[in-house]
Amino acid sequence: MRDELLAYLLGDLSPQEKERISERLQNDPIWQRELETLEACLKSQEADSESNSLPADLVDRTCSLVKRATHHGSNSLHDSLHKAQASLTESHEGAVSPRRWSLADLTIAAGVLMALGMLLLPAVRESRDAARRLKCQNNLKNLGTALVEYSERYGQGLPHIELGENAGSFVLDLAESNLLSREALYELLVCPSSPLADAVFAGSARIHIPTQQQLDQASPEMLALVRKWMAGSYAFRIGYRDKRGRYRHVEFSNSPNAPMLADAPSISVAGFQSPNHGCAGQFVVFQDLSVRYFKQCSPNENTNFFLNDDHQHAAGRHIRDVVLARSEADPAGVTHAEKAEKP
């Protein structure tokens, strides 16, 4: 009887059996009393189950307990457990509300954030600098590839920089020969870790690649400004003088020891090095399209990428005297900006 009534209360009977039990309950007082007893037992058990359920904020109060224990040191963990046992019960005494922050909480949080900042910021900065160096290296590689294609197409070596022209004129040769579009050159000519990149971003400098007609018609002041930024962040190899003092152009030899382009130097940097990459060094691309990074502007004690043997930013003194010149520099050793300022 009890098993049947219990199944009846729990709904575990088929419709036919449920109907049979219902008829029996209507006519049998003993079955009725037994049903009432079972119902009372089930209700009591449900109430006990509800009273023993875990409180909703148990996790918050447990974390609060552990934090207080660790704050006072590992030796006092046992004492803290005894003192804060009430925090794990339904009573809210001793529990820390998630909405309330003490001065100690704020101090700890600030310390954690400061420690994370000290750990993460250098890594973020290093990652950013590495990405910029890689972009600069790729820029030089792409420009060098265009110069090699120019040499192969015209069979006359690298673009010629004549006396009276600025070193950045090679950019005009690349654009006019359609080896690189002007839009592509605007991006490739800016090293992302150069002062020029900051100036371009701020709107105080702008690279402009003119046509030959625009150069011929420009005023002296505008011509000096255009030539200054024509080659962007980079320096291009100019020619040399032979034993008779005649100016010669650079031949293309596909040599891994013949530089073509590099991060441009600045007179404001000690040793006449490049201000790019935090003045820590410069990339140089060679005729075999290898790109190497040099911390000093001299690959050895006897040479300098940016000065000739007479320590001038001008044409080399002989065929092995390599000089990579800034955009506005003339092989004769006078910048076009200086020429524009002369009466």
C-alpha atoms as a PDB file:
ATOM      1  CA  MET A   1       0.000   0.000   0.000  1.00  0.00           C
ATOM      2  CA  ARG A   2       2.678   2.520   1.007  1.00  0.00           C
ATOM      3  CA  ASP A   3       4.709   1.858  -2.133  1.00  0.00           C
ATOM      4  CA  GLU A   4       1.686   2.397  -4.308  1.00  0.00           C
ATOM      5  CA  LEU A   5       0.710   5.595  -2.528  1.00  0.00           C
ATOM      6  CA  LEU A   6       4.287   6.916  -2.725  1.00  0.00           C
ATOM      7  CA  ALA A   7       4.377   6.234  -6.453  1.00  0.00           C
ATOM      8  CA  TYR A   8       0.979   7.938  -6.684  1.00  0.00           C
ATOM      9  CA  LEU A   9       2.331  11.084  -5.002  1.00  0.00           C
ATOM     10  CA  LEU A  10       5.478  11.139  -7.140  1.00  0.00           C
ATOM     11  CA  GLY A  11       3.534  10.640 -10.391  1.00  0.00           C
ATOM     12  CA  ASP A  12       5.226   7.367 -11.291  1.00  0.00           C
ATOM     13  CA  LEU A  13       1.994   5.454 -12.097  1.00  0.00           C
ATOM     14  CA  SER A  14       0.383   4.756 -15.411  1.00  0.00           C
ATOM     15  CA  PRO A  15      -3.039   6.388 -16.060  1.00  0.00           C
ATOM     16  CA  GLN A  16      -4.869   3.131 -15.339  1.00  0.00           C
ATOM     17  CA  GLU A  17      -3.092   2.532 -12.021  1.00  0.00           C
ATOM     18  CA  LYS A  18      -3.532   6.185 -11.016  1.00  0.00           C
ATOM     19  CA  GLU A  19      -7.288   5.898 -11.634  1.00  0.00           C
ATOM     20  CA  ARG A  20      -7.441   2.701  -9.586  1.00  0.00           C
ATOM     21  CA  ILE A  21      -5.634   4.297  -6.605  1.00  0.00           C
ATOM     22  CA  SER A  22      -7.901   7.372  -6.785  1.00  0.00           C
ATOM     23  CA  GLU A  23     -11.024   5.163  -6.531  1.00  0.00           C
ATOM     24  CA  ARG A  24      -9.495   3.298  -3.570  1.00  0.00           C
ATOM     25  CA  LEU A  25      -8.717   6.563  -1.754  1.00  0.00           C
ATOM     26  CA  GLN A  26     -12.324   7.722  -2.120  1.00  0.00           C
ATOM     27  CA  ASN A  27     -13.680   4.584  -0.409  1.00  0.00           C
ATOM     28  CA  ASP A  28     -10.942   3.493   2.065  1.00  0.00           C
ATOM     29  CA  PRO A  29     -10.214   5.649   5.190  1.00  0.00           C
ATOM     30  CA  ILE A  30      -7.012   3.700   5.962  1.00  0.00           C
ATOM     31  CA  TRP A  31      -5.549   4.530   2.576  1.00  0.00           C
ATOM     32  CA  GLN A  32      -6.571   8.153   3.098  1.00  0.00           C
ATOM     33  CA  ARG A  33      -4.699   8.405   6.447  1.00  0.00           C
ATOM     34  CA  GLU A  34      -1.630   6.728   4.952  1.00  0.00           C
ATOM     35  CA  LEU A  35      -1.665   9.218   2.064  1.00  0.00           C
ATOM     36  CA  GLU A  36      -1.803  12.161   4.494  1.00  0.00           C
ATOM     37  CA  THR A  37       1.166  10.737   6.438  1.00  0.00           C
ATOM     38  CA  LEU A  38       3.254  10.353   3.287  1.00  0.00           C
ATOM     39  CA  GLU A  39       2.397  13.901   2.117  1.00  0.00           C
ATOM     40  CA  ALA A  40       3.522  15.336   5.464  1.00  0.00           C
ATOM     41  CA  CYS A  41       6.814  13.429   5.282  1.00  0.00           C
ATOM     42  CA  LEU A  42       7.540  14.662   1.771  1.00  0.00           C
ATOM     43  CA  LYS A  43       6.846  18.305   2.681  1.00  0.00           C
ATOM     44  CA  SER A  44       9.154  18.079   5.678  1.00  0.00           C
ATOM     45  CA  GLN A  45      11.937  16.629   3.570  1.00  0.00           C
ATOM     46  CA  GLU A  46      11.597  19.432   0.992  1.00  0.00           C
ATOM     47  CA  ALA A  47      11.874  22.075   3.719  1.00  0.00           C
ATOM     48  CA  ASP A  48      15.050  20.481   5.095  1.00  0.00           C
ATOM     49  CA  SER A  49      16.534  20.382   1.606  1.00  0.00           C
ATOM     50  CA  GLU A  50      15.863  24.091   1.081  1.00  0.00           C
ATOM     51  CA  SER A  51      17.384  25.024   4.405  1.00  0.00           C
ATOM     52  CA  ASN A  52      20.558  23.064   3.588  1.00  0.00           C
ATOM     53  CA  SER A  53      21.078  24.620   0.112  1.00  0.00           C
ATOM     54  CA  LEU A  54      24.257  26.616  -0.506  1.00  0.00           C
ATOM     55  CA  PRO A  55      23.921  30.401  -0.136  1.00  0.00           C
ATOM     56  CA  ALA A  56      24.130  32.345  -3.395  1.00  0.00           C
ATOM     57  CA  ASP A  57      27.072  34.489  -2.248  1.00  0.00           C
ATOM     58  CA  LEU A  58      29.159  31.585  -0.934  1.00  0.00           C
ATOM     59  CA  VAL A  59      31.853  32.134  -3.583  1.00  0.00           C
ATOM     60  CA  ASP A  60      32.220  35.848  -2.773  1.00  0.00           C
ATOM     61  CA  ARG A  61      32.513  35.195   0.939  1.00  0.00           C
ATOM     62  CA  THR A  62      34.971  32.357   0.419  1.00  0.00           C
ATOM     63  CA  CYS A  63      37.201  34.609  -1.690  1.00  0.00           C
ATOM     64  CA  SER A  64      36.944  37.259   0.983  1.00  0.00           C
ATOM     65  CA  LEU A  65      38.069  34.762   3.595  1.00  0.00           C
ATOM     66  CA  VAL A  66      41.084  33.639   1.567  1.00  0.00           C
ATOM     67  CA  LYS A  67      42.104  37.225   0.805  1.00  0.00           C
ATOM     68  CA  ARG A  68      42.035  38.216   4.462  1.00  0.00           C
ATOM     69  CA  ALA A  69      43.960  35.121   5.423  1.00  0.00           C
ATOM     70  CA  THR A  70      46.681  35.657   2.847  1.00  0.00           C
ATOM     71  CA  HIS A  71      46.807  39.376   3.669  1.00  0.00           C
ATOM     72  CA  HIS A  72      47.829  38.557   7.256  1.00  0.00           C
ATOM     73  CA  GLY A  73      50.338  35.924   6.210  1.00  0.00           C
ATOM     74  CA  SER A  74      50.250  32.193   5.683  1.00  0.00           C
ATOM     75  CA  ASN A  75      50.961  31.478   9.371  1.00  0.00           C
ATOM     76  CA  SER A  76      47.654  33.029  10.394  1.00  0.00           C
ATOM     77  CA  LEU A  77      45.532  31.103   7.898  1.00  0.00           C
ATOM     78  CA  HIS A  78      44.329  28.630  10.531  1.00  0.00           C
ATOM     79  CA  ASP A  79      43.290  31.434  12.904  1.00  0.00           C
ATOM     80  CA  SER A  80      41.552  33.304  10.104  1.00  0.00           C
ATOM     81  CA  LEU A  81      39.527  30.207   9.257  1.00  0.00           C
ATOM     82  CA  HIS A  82      38.304  29.956  12.827  1.00  0.00           C
ATOM     83  CA  LYS A  83      37.474  33.658  13.034  1.00  0.00           C
ATOM     84  CA  ALA A  84      35.618  33.781   9.727  1.00  0.00           C
ATOM     85  CA  GLN A  85      33.629  30.541   9.850  1.00  0.00           C
ATOM     86  CA  ALA A  86      30.487  32.614  10.207  1.00  0.00           C
ATOM     87  CA  SER A  87      31.186  34.115   6.790  1.00  0.00           C
ATOM     88  CA  LEU A  88      30.414  30.759   5.178  1.00  0.00           C
ATOM     89  CA  THR A  89      26.987  30.554   6.752  1.00  0.00           C
ATOM     90  CA  GLU A  90      23.853  32.427   5.767  1.00  0.00           C
ATOM     91  CA  SER A  91      24.725  35.220   8.173  1.00  0.00           C
ATOM     92  CA  HIS A  92      26.311  38.179   6.407  1.00  0.00           C
ATOM     93  CA  GLU A  93      28.398  39.156   9.383  1.00  0.00           C
ATOM     94  CA  GLY A  94      32.054  39.023   8.494  1.00  0.00           C
ATOM     95  CA  ALA A  95      31.388  38.851   4.767  1.00  0.00           C
ATOM     96  CA  VAL A  96      32.759  41.485   2.442  1.00  0.00           C
ATOM     97  CA  SER A  97      30.194  42.824   0.030  1.00  0.00           C
ATOM     98  CA  PRO A  98      31.367  42.968  -3.589  1.00  0.00           C
ATOM     99  CA  ARG A  99      30.102  46.549  -3.714  1.00  0.00           C
ATOM    100  CA  ARG A 100      32.288  47.783  -0.863  1.00  0.00           C
ATOM    101  CA  TRP A 101      36.012  48.458  -1.321  1.00  0.00           C
ATOM    102  CA  SER A 102      38.215  49.224   1.624  1.00  0.00           C
ATOM    103  CA  LEU A 103      41.379  51.317   1.463  1.00  0.00           C
ATOM    104  CA  ALA A 104      43.409  48.119   1.726  1.00  0.00           C
ATOM    105  CA  ASP A 105      41.519  46.642  -1.244  1.00  0.00           C
ATOM    106  CA  LEU A 106      42.250  49.701  -3.365  1.00  0.00           C
ATOM    107  CA  THR A 107      45.906  49.681  -2.338  1.00  0.00           C
ATOM    108  CA  ILE A 108      46.290  46.027  -3.284  1.00  0.00           C
ATOM    109  CA  ALA A 109      44.476  46.528  -6.594  1.00  0.00           C
ATOM    110  CA  ALA A 110      46.639  49.525  -7.447  1.00  0.00           C
ATOM    111  CA  GLY A 111      49.775  47.561  -6.636  1.00  0.00           C
ATOM    112  CA  VAL A 112      48.691  44.666  -8.833  1.00  0.00           C
ATOM    113  CA  LEU A 113      47.884  46.997 -11.742  1.00  0.00           C
ATOM    114  CA  MET A 114      51.205  48.789 -11.347  1.00  0.00           C
ATOM    115  CA  ALA A 115      53.092  45.494 -11.346  1.00  0.00           C
ATOM    116  CA  LEU A 116      51.229  44.326 -14.444  1.00  0.00           C
ATOM    117  CA  GLY A 117      51.980  47.626 -16.167  1.00  0.00           C
ATOM    118  CA  MET A 118      55.685  47.344 -15.378  1.00  0.00           C
ATOM    119  CA  LEU A 119      55.711  43.828 -16.817  1.00  0.00           C
ATOM    120  CA  LEU A 120      53.564  44.430 -19.898  1.00  0.00           C
ATOM    121  CA  LEU A 121      54.496  47.921 -21.103  1.00  0.00           C
ATOM    122  CA  PRO A 122      58.124  47.101 -21.985  1.00  0.00           C
ATOM    123  CA  ALA A 123      56.951  44.032 -23.880  1.00  0.00           C
ATOM    124  CA  VAL A 124      54.346  46.068 -25.773  1.00  0.00           C
ATOM    125  CA  ARG A 125      56.914  48.760 -26.598  1.00  0.00           C
ATOM    126  CA  GLU A 126      59.446  46.174 -27.746  1.00  0.00           C
ATOM    127  CA  SER A 127      56.838  44.472 -29.925  1.00  0.00           C
ATOM    128  CA  ARG A 128      55.859  47.807 -31.465  1.00  0.00           C
ATOM    129  CA  ASP A 129      59.483  48.748 -32.175  1.00  0.00           C
ATOM    130  CA  ALA A 130      60.152  45.338 -33.722  1.00  0.00           C
ATOM    131  CA  ALA A 131      57.131  45.734 -36.008  1.00  0.00           C
ATOM    132  CA  ARG A 132      58.351  49.174 -37.092  1.00  0.00           C
ATOM    133  CA  ARG A 133      61.844  47.878 -37.797  1.00  0.00           C
ATOM    134  CA  LEU A 134      60.384  45.089 -39.905  1.00  0.00           C
ATOM    135  CA  LYS A 135      58.257  47.586 -41.858  1.00  0.00           C
ATOM    136  CA  CYS A 136      61.320  49.767 -42.518  1.00  0.00           C
ATOM    137  CA  GLN A 137      63.306  46.735 -43.634  1.00  0.00           C
ATOM    138  CA  ASN A 138      60.521  45.727 -46.026  1.00  0.00           C
ATOM    139  CA  ASN A 139      60.320  49.284 -47.370  1.00  0.00           C
ATOM    140  CA  LEU A 140      64.009  49.239 -48.257  1.00  0.00           C
ATOM    141  CA  LYS A 141      63.728  45.777 -49.776  1.00  0.00           C
ATOM    142  CA  ASN A 142      60.851  46.871 -52.038  1.00  0.00           C
ATOM    143  CA  LEU A 143      62.628  50.059 -53.085  1.00  0.00           C
ATOM    144  CA  GLY A 144      65.802  48.070 -53.745  1.00  0.00           C
ATOM    145  CA  THR A 145      63.857  45.613 -55.899  1.00  0.00           C
ATOM    146  CA  ALA A 146      62.542  48.496 -58.000  1.00  0.00           C
ATOM    147  CA  LEU A 147      66.095  49.844 -58.400  1.00  0.00           C
ATOM    148  CA  VAL A 148      67.335  46.444 -59.599  1.00  0.00           C
ATOM    149  CA  GLU A 149      64.489  46.287 -62.114  1.00  0.00           C
ATOM    150  CA  TYR A 150      65.388  49.798 -63.273  1.00  0.00           C
ATOM    151  CA  SER A 151      68.994  48.740 -63.842  1.00  0.00           C
ATOM    152  CA  GLU A 152      67.929  45.656 -65.775  1.00  0.00           C
ATOM    153  CA  ARG A 153      65.425  47.565 -67.892  1.00  0.00           C
ATOM    154  CA  TYR A 154      67.674  50.424 -68.962  1.00  0.00           C
ATOM    155  CA  GLY A 155      71.079  48.760 -68.683  1.00  0.00           C
ATOM    156  CA  GLN A 156      72.746  51.843 -67.272  1.00  0.00           C
ATOM    157  CA  GLY A 157      73.099  50.965 -63.607  1.00  0.00           C
ATOM    158  CA  LEU A 158      71.306  52.750 -60.826  1.00  0.00           C
ATOM    159  CA  PRO A 159      69.414  55.993 -61.547  1.00  0.00           C
ATOM    160  CA  HIS A 160      71.986  58.697 -62.297  1.00  0.00           C
ATOM    161  CA  ILE A 161      72.307  61.590 -59.892  1.00  0.00           C
ATOM    162  CA  GLU A 162      73.987  64.371 -61.837  1.00  0.00           C
ATOM    163  CA  LEU A 163      75.920  67.288 -60.425  1.00  0.00           C
ATOM    164  CA  GLY A 164      73.317  69.937 -59.627  1.00  0.00           C
ATOM    165  CA  GLU A 165      70.623  67.347 -58.867  1.00  0.00           C
ATOM    166  CA  ASN A 166      69.553  66.194 -55.428  1.00  0.00           C
ATOM    167  CA  ALA A 167      70.072  62.579 -54.344  1.00  0.00           C
ATOM    168  CA  GLY A 168      66.320  62.057 -53.949  1.00  0.00           C
ATOM    169  CA  SER A 169      65.842  62.418 -57.704  1.00  0.00           C
ATOM    170  CA  PHE A 170      66.021  58.621 -57.999  1.00  0.00           C
ATOM    171  CA  VAL A 171      62.416  58.561 -56.763  1.00  0.00           C
ATOM    172  CA  LEU A 172      61.344  60.582 -59.782  1.00  0.00           C
ATOM    173  CA  ASP A 173      63.075  58.054 -62.075  1.00  0.00           C
ATOM    174  CA  LEU A 174      61.195  55.160 -60.442  1.00  0.00           C
ATOM    175  CA  ALA A 175      57.861  56.959 -60.717  1.00  0.00           C
ATOM    176  CA  GLU A 176      58.347  58.095 -64.324  1.00  0.00           C
ATOM    177  CA  SER A 177      59.367  54.571 -65.390  1.00  0.00           C
ATOM    178  CA  ASN A 178      56.183  53.140 -63.768  1.00  0.00           C
ATOM    179  CA  LEU A 179      58.186  50.682 -61.669  1.00  0.00           C
ATOM    180  CA  LEU A 180      56.370  51.997 -58.605  1.00  0.00           C
ATOM    181  CA  SER A 181      53.295  54.199 -58.503  1.00  0.00           C
ATOM    182  CA  ARG A 182      53.434  57.480 -56.652  1.00  0.00           C
ATOM    183  CA  GLU A 183      50.886  56.134 -54.166  1.00  0.00           C
ATOM    184  CA  ALA A 184      53.129  53.149 -53.416  1.00  0.00           C
ATOM    185  CA  LEU A 185      56.165  55.416 -53.085  1.00  0.00           C
ATOM    186  CA  TYR A 186      54.392  57.689 -50.585  1.00  0.00           C
ATOM    187  CA  GLU A 187      54.077  54.690 -48.265  1.00  0.00           C
ATOM    188  CA  LEU A 188      57.442  53.045 -48.946  1.00  0.00           C
ATOM    189  CA  LEU A 189      59.489  56.213 -48.443  1.00  0.00           C
ATOM    190  CA  VAL A 190      58.468  56.732 -44.799  1.00  0.00           C
ATOM    191  CA  CYS A 191      60.199  54.703 -42.107  1.00  0.00           C
ATOM    192  CA  PRO A 192      57.565  54.235 -39.370  1.00  0.00           C
ATOM    193  CA  SER A 193      60.133  54.812 -36.607  1.00  0.00           C
ATOM    194  CA  SER A 194      61.536  58.031 -38.048  1.00  0.00           C
ATOM    195  CA  PRO A 195      60.960  61.683 -37.091  1.00  0.00           C
ATOM    196  CA  LEU A 196      59.494  62.116 -40.573  1.00  0.00           C
ATOM    197  CA  ALA A 197      56.724  59.616 -39.769  1.00  0.00           C
ATOM    198  CA  ASP A 198      55.748  61.709 -36.741  1.00  0.00           C
ATOM    199  CA  ALA A 199      55.834  64.890 -38.825  1.00  0.00           C
ATOM    200  CA  VAL A 200      53.706  63.351 -41.588  1.00  0.00           C
ATOM    201  CA  PHE A 201      51.195  62.099 -39.023  1.00  0.00           C
ATOM    202  CA  ALA A 202      51.045  65.559 -37.426  1.00  0.00           C
ATOM    203  CA  GLY A 203      50.584  67.204 -40.829  1.00  0.00           C
ATOM    204  CA  SER A 204      53.737  69.317 -40.587  1.00  0.00           C
ATOM    205  CA  ALA A 205      55.541  67.482 -43.428  1.00  0.00           C
ATOM    206  CA  ARG A 206      54.415  65.991 -46.699  1.00  0.00           C
ATOM    207  CA  ILE A 207      56.215  63.898 -49.284  1.00  0.00           C
ATOM    208  CA  HIS A 208      55.583  65.088 -52.822  1.00  0.00           C
ATOM    209  CA  ILE A 209      56.897  63.375 -55.936  1.00  0.00           C
ATOM    210  CA  PRO A 210      56.621  65.946 -58.710  1.00  0.00           C
ATOM    211  CA  THR A 211      56.869  65.565 -62.432  1.00  0.00           C
ATOM    212  CA  GLN A 212      59.892  66.966 -64.234  1.00  0.00           C
ATOM    213  CA  GLN A 213      57.732  69.814 -65.528  1.00  0.00           C
ATOM    214  CA  GLN A 214      56.657  70.724 -61.989  1.00  0.00           C
ATOM    215  CA  LEU A 215      60.290  70.767 -60.898  1.00  0.00           C
ATOM    216  CA  ASP A 216      61.235  73.061 -63.766  1.00  0.00           C
ATOM    217  CA  GLN A 217      58.428  75.505 -62.930  1.00  0.00           C
ATOM    218  CA  ALA A 218      58.760  75.489 -59.118  1.00  0.00           C
ATOM    219  CA  SER A 219      59.951  78.553 -57.222  1.00  0.00           C
ATOM    220  CA  PRO A 220      63.330  78.258 -55.454  1.00  0.00           C
ATOM    221  CA  GLU A 221      61.627  78.025 -52.049  1.00  0.00           C
ATOM    222  CA  MET A 222      59.152  75.332 -53.195  1.00  0.00           C
ATOM    223  CA  LEU A 223      61.892  73.454 -55.048  1.00  0.00           C
ATOM    224  CA  ALA A 224      64.043  73.297 -51.916  1.00  0.00           C
ATOM    225  CA  LEU A 225      61.100  71.989 -49.855  1.00  0.00           C
ATOM    226  CA  VAL A 226      60.173  69.329 -52.431  1.00  0.00           C
ATOM    227  CA  ARG A 227      63.753  68.116 -52.765  1.00  0.00           C
ATOM    228  CA  LYS A 228      64.184  67.934 -49.001  1.00  0.00           C
ATOM    229  CA  TRP A 229      61.401  65.369 -48.581  1.00  0.00           C
ATOM    230  CA  MET A 230      61.464  63.719 -52.025  1.00  0.00           C
ATOM    231  CA  ALA A 231      63.268  60.566 -50.806  1.00  0.00           C
ATOM    232  CA  GLY A 232      61.463  60.493 -47.473  1.00  0.00           C
ATOM    233  CA  SER A 233      63.335  58.758 -44.669  1.00  0.00           C
ATOM    234  CA  TYR A 234      66.058  57.283 -46.854  1.00  0.00           C
ATOM    235  CA  ALA A 235      69.438  58.103 -48.398  1.00  0.00           C
ATOM    236  CA  PHE A 236      70.479  57.079 -51.930  1.00  0.00           C
ATOM    237  CA  ARG A 237      73.930  56.288 -53.261  1.00  0.00           C
ATOM    238  CA  ILE A 238      75.488  59.054 -55.314  1.00  0.00           C
ATOM    239  CA  GLY A 239      78.482  58.793 -57.646  1.00  0.00           C
ATOM    240  CA  TYR A 240      82.206  59.315 -57.219  1.00  0.00           C
ATOM    241  CA  ARG A 241      85.094  61.168 -58.800  1.00  0.00           C
ATOM    242  CA  ASP A 242      87.814  59.371 -60.699  1.00  0.00           C
ATOM    243  CA  LYS A 243      91.537  60.084 -60.563  1.00  0.00           C
ATOM    244  CA  ARG A 244      91.099  63.036 -62.925  1.00  0.00           C
ATOM    245  CA  GLY A 245      88.347  64.522 -60.788  1.00  0.00           C
ATOM    246  CA  ARG A 246      85.565  63.676 -63.238  1.00  0.00           C
ATOM    247  CA  TYR A 247      82.224  62.743 -61.728  1.00  0.00           C
ATOM    248  CA  ARG A 248      81.177  59.123 -62.427  1.00  0.00           C
ATOM    249  CA  HIS A 249      77.917  57.238 -61.945  1.00  0.00           C
ATOM    250  CA  VAL A 250      77.509  54.097 -59.880  1.00  0.00           C
ATOM    251  CA  GLU A 251      77.516  50.832 -61.827  1.00  0.00           C
ATOM    252  CA  PHE A 252      75.251  47.930 -60.951  1.00  0.00           C
ATOM    253  CA  SER A 253      77.187  44.777 -60.022  1.00  0.00           C
ATOM    254  CA  ASN A 254      74.674  42.769 -57.962  1.00  0.00           C
ATOM    255  CA  SER A 255      77.285  42.763 -55.217  1.00  0.00           C
ATOM    256  CA  PRO A 256      76.446  42.036 -51.551  1.00  0.00           C
ATOM    257  CA  ASN A 257      78.999  44.698 -50.619  1.00  0.00           C
ATOM    258  CA  ALA A 258      77.597  47.530 -52.768  1.00  0.00           C
ATOM    259  CA  PRO A 259      75.025  49.635 -50.851  1.00  0.00           C
ATOM    260  CA  MET A 260      72.112  51.281 -52.673  1.00  0.00           C
ATOM    261  CA  LEU A 261      69.864  52.743 -49.962  1.00  0.00           C
ATOM    262  CA  ALA A 262      69.884  53.305 -46.201  1.00  0.00           C
ATOM    263  CA  ASP A 263      68.103  55.140 -43.393  1.00  0.00           C
ATOM    264  CA  ALA A 264      69.013  58.789 -44.006  1.00  0.00           C
ATOM    265  CA  PRO A 265      71.524  60.465 -41.636  1.00  0.00           C
ATOM    266  CA  SER A 266      70.992  63.673 -39.703  1.00  0.00           C
ATOM    267  CA  ILE A 267      73.453  66.347 -38.658  1.00  0.00           C
ATOM    268  CA  SER A 268      71.631  66.547 -35.330  1.00  0.00           C
ATOM    269  CA  VAL A 269      72.684  62.995 -34.402  1.00  0.00           C
ATOM    270  CA  ALA A 270      76.161  62.430 -32.998  1.00  0.00           C
ATOM    271  CA  GLY A 271      78.421  60.800 -35.566  1.00  0.00           C
ATOM    272  CA  PHE A 272      76.128  61.852 -38.450  1.00  0.00           C
ATOM    273  CA  GLN A 273      73.999  58.735 -38.068  1.00  0.00           C
ATOM    274  CA  SER A 274      70.343  58.139 -38.818  1.00  0.00           C
ATOM    275  CA  PRO A 275      67.721  59.483 -36.389  1.00  0.00           C
ATOM    276  CA  ASN A 276      65.473  56.565 -37.369  1.00  0.00           C
ATOM    277  CA  HIS A 277      65.023  53.692 -34.912  1.00  0.00           C
ATOM    278  CA  GLY A 278      65.804  55.871 -31.925  1.00  0.00           C
ATOM    279  CA  CYS A 279      69.254  56.863 -33.274  1.00  0.00           C
ATOM    280  CA  ALA A 280      70.382  53.330 -32.466  1.00  0.00           C
ATOM    281  CA  GLY A 281      71.434  52.330 -35.978  1.00  0.00           C
ATOM    282  CA  GLN A 282      70.444  52.154 -39.629  1.00  0.00           C
ATOM    283  CA  PHE A 283      69.301  49.622 -42.201  1.00  0.00           C
ATOM    284  CA  VAL A 284      71.253  49.364 -45.462  1.00  0.00           C
ATOM    285  CA  VAL A 285      70.071  47.528 -48.592  1.00  0.00           C
ATOM    286  CA  PHE A 286      72.736  46.202 -50.962  1.00  0.00           C
ATOM    287  CA  GLN A 287      72.672  45.448 -54.678  1.00  0.00           C
ATOM    288  CA  ASP A 288      72.004  41.748 -54.056  1.00  0.00           C
ATOM    289  CA  LEU A 289      68.840  42.931 -52.175  1.00  0.00           C
ATOM    290  CA  SER A 290      70.155  41.853 -48.788  1.00  0.00           C
ATOM    291  CA  VAL A 291      69.158  44.224 -45.976  1.00  0.00           C
ATOM    292  CA  ARG A 292      71.459  44.538 -42.963  1.00  0.00           C
ATOM    293  CA  TYR A 293      71.294  46.549 -39.783  1.00  0.00           C
ATOM    294  CA  PHE A 294      74.344  48.473 -38.589  1.00  0.00           C
ATOM    295  CA  LYS A 295      74.555  50.048 -35.156  1.00  0.00           C
ATOM    296  CA  GLN A 296      77.257  52.366 -36.481  1.00  0.00           C
ATOM    297  CA  CYS A 297      77.272  54.164 -39.827  1.00  0.00           C
ATOM    298  CA  SER A 298      80.686  52.638 -40.515  1.00  0.00           C
ATOM    299  CA  PRO A 299      80.836  48.941 -41.495  1.00  0.00           C
ATOM    300  CA  ASN A 300      84.543  49.111 -40.617  1.00  0.00           C
ATOM    301  CA  GLU A 301      87.065  51.661 -39.413  1.00  0.00           C
ATOM    302  CA  ASN A 302      88.071  52.757 -42.915  1.00  0.00           C
ATOM    303  CA  THR A 303      84.645  53.553 -44.428  1.00  0.00           C
ATOM    304  CA  ASN A 304      81.506  55.544 -43.634  1.00  0.00           C
ATOM    305  CA  PHE A 305      78.185  55.099 -45.408  1.00  0.00           C
ATOM    306  CA  PHE A 306      77.345  58.815 -45.308  1.00  0.00           C
ATOM    307  CA  LEU A 307      80.715  60.610 -45.638  1.00  0.00           C
ATOM    308  CA  ASN A 308      83.438  60.343 -48.241  1.00  0.00           C
ATOM    309  CA  ASP A 309      87.102  59.917 -47.447  1.00  0.00           C
ATOM    310  CA  ASP A 310      87.367  63.687 -46.948  1.00  0.00           C
ATOM    311  CA  HIS A 311      84.568  63.448 -44.321  1.00  0.00           C
ATOM    312  CA  GLN A 312      82.162  65.328 -46.573  1.00  0.00           C
ATOM    313  CA  HIS A 313      78.559  64.469 -47.403  1.00  0.00           C
ATOM    314  CA  ALA A 314      79.381  64.571 -51.113  1.00  0.00           C
ATOM    315  CA  ALA A 315      80.496  62.380 -54.010  1.00  0.00           C
ATOM    316  CA  GLY A 316      83.040  59.668 -53.236  1.00  0.00           C
ATOM    317  CA  ARG A 317      86.712  60.396 -53.758  1.00  0.00           C
ATOM    318  CA  HIS A 318      87.248  57.178 -55.741  1.00  0.00           C
ATOM    319  CA  ILE A 319      85.334  54.168 -57.044  1.00  0.00           C
ATOM    320  CA  ARG A 320      85.362  52.342 -53.708  1.00  0.00           C
ATOM    321  CA  ASP A 321      84.372  55.413 -51.706  1.00  0.00           C
ATOM    322  CA  VAL A 322      80.652  54.769 -51.056  1.00  0.00           C
ATOM    323  CA  VAL A 323      78.407  57.691 -50.069  1.00  0.00           C
ATOM    324  CA  LEU A 324      74.684  57.416 -49.363  1.00  0.00           C
ATOM    325  CA  ALA A 325      73.261  60.933 -49.494  1.00  0.00           C
ATOM    326  CA  ARG A 326      70.194  62.581 -47.992  1.00  0.00           C
ATOM    327  CA  SER A 327      67.354  63.537 -50.322  1.00  0.00           C
ATOM    328  CA  GLU A 328      68.353  67.209 -50.654  1.00  0.00           C
ATOM    329  CA  ALA A 329      72.120  66.580 -50.949  1.00  0.00           C
ATOM    330  CA  ASP A 330      73.985  67.436 -54.155  1.00  0.00           C
ATOM    331  CA  PRO A 331      77.008  65.285 -55.207  1.00  0.00           C
ATOM    332  CA  ALA A 332      78.983  68.539 -55.237  1.00  0.00           C
ATOM    333  CA  GLY A 333      78.569  68.726 -51.452  1.00  0.00           C
ATOM    334  CA  VAL A 334      76.080  71.610 -51.207  1.00  0.00           C
ATOM    335  CA  THR A 335      72.456  70.996 -50.289  1.00  0.00           C
ATOM    336  CA  HIS A 336      69.752  72.520 -52.443  1.00  0.00           C
ATOM    337  CA  ALA A 337      68.235  74.130 -49.372  1.00  0.00           C
ATOM    338  CA  GLU A 338      71.463  76.090 -48.946  1.00  0.00           C
ATOM    339  CA  LYS A 339      71.399  77.061 -52.622  1.00  0.00           C
ATOM    340  CA  ALA A 340      67.847  78.383 -52.328  1.00  0.00           C
ATOM    341  CA  GLU A 341      68.881  80.618 -49.426  1.00  0.00           C
ATOM    342  CA  LYS A 342      71.698  82.241 -51.419  1.00  0.00           C
ATOM    343  CA  PRO A 343      70.903  85.501 -53.262  1.00  0.00           C
END
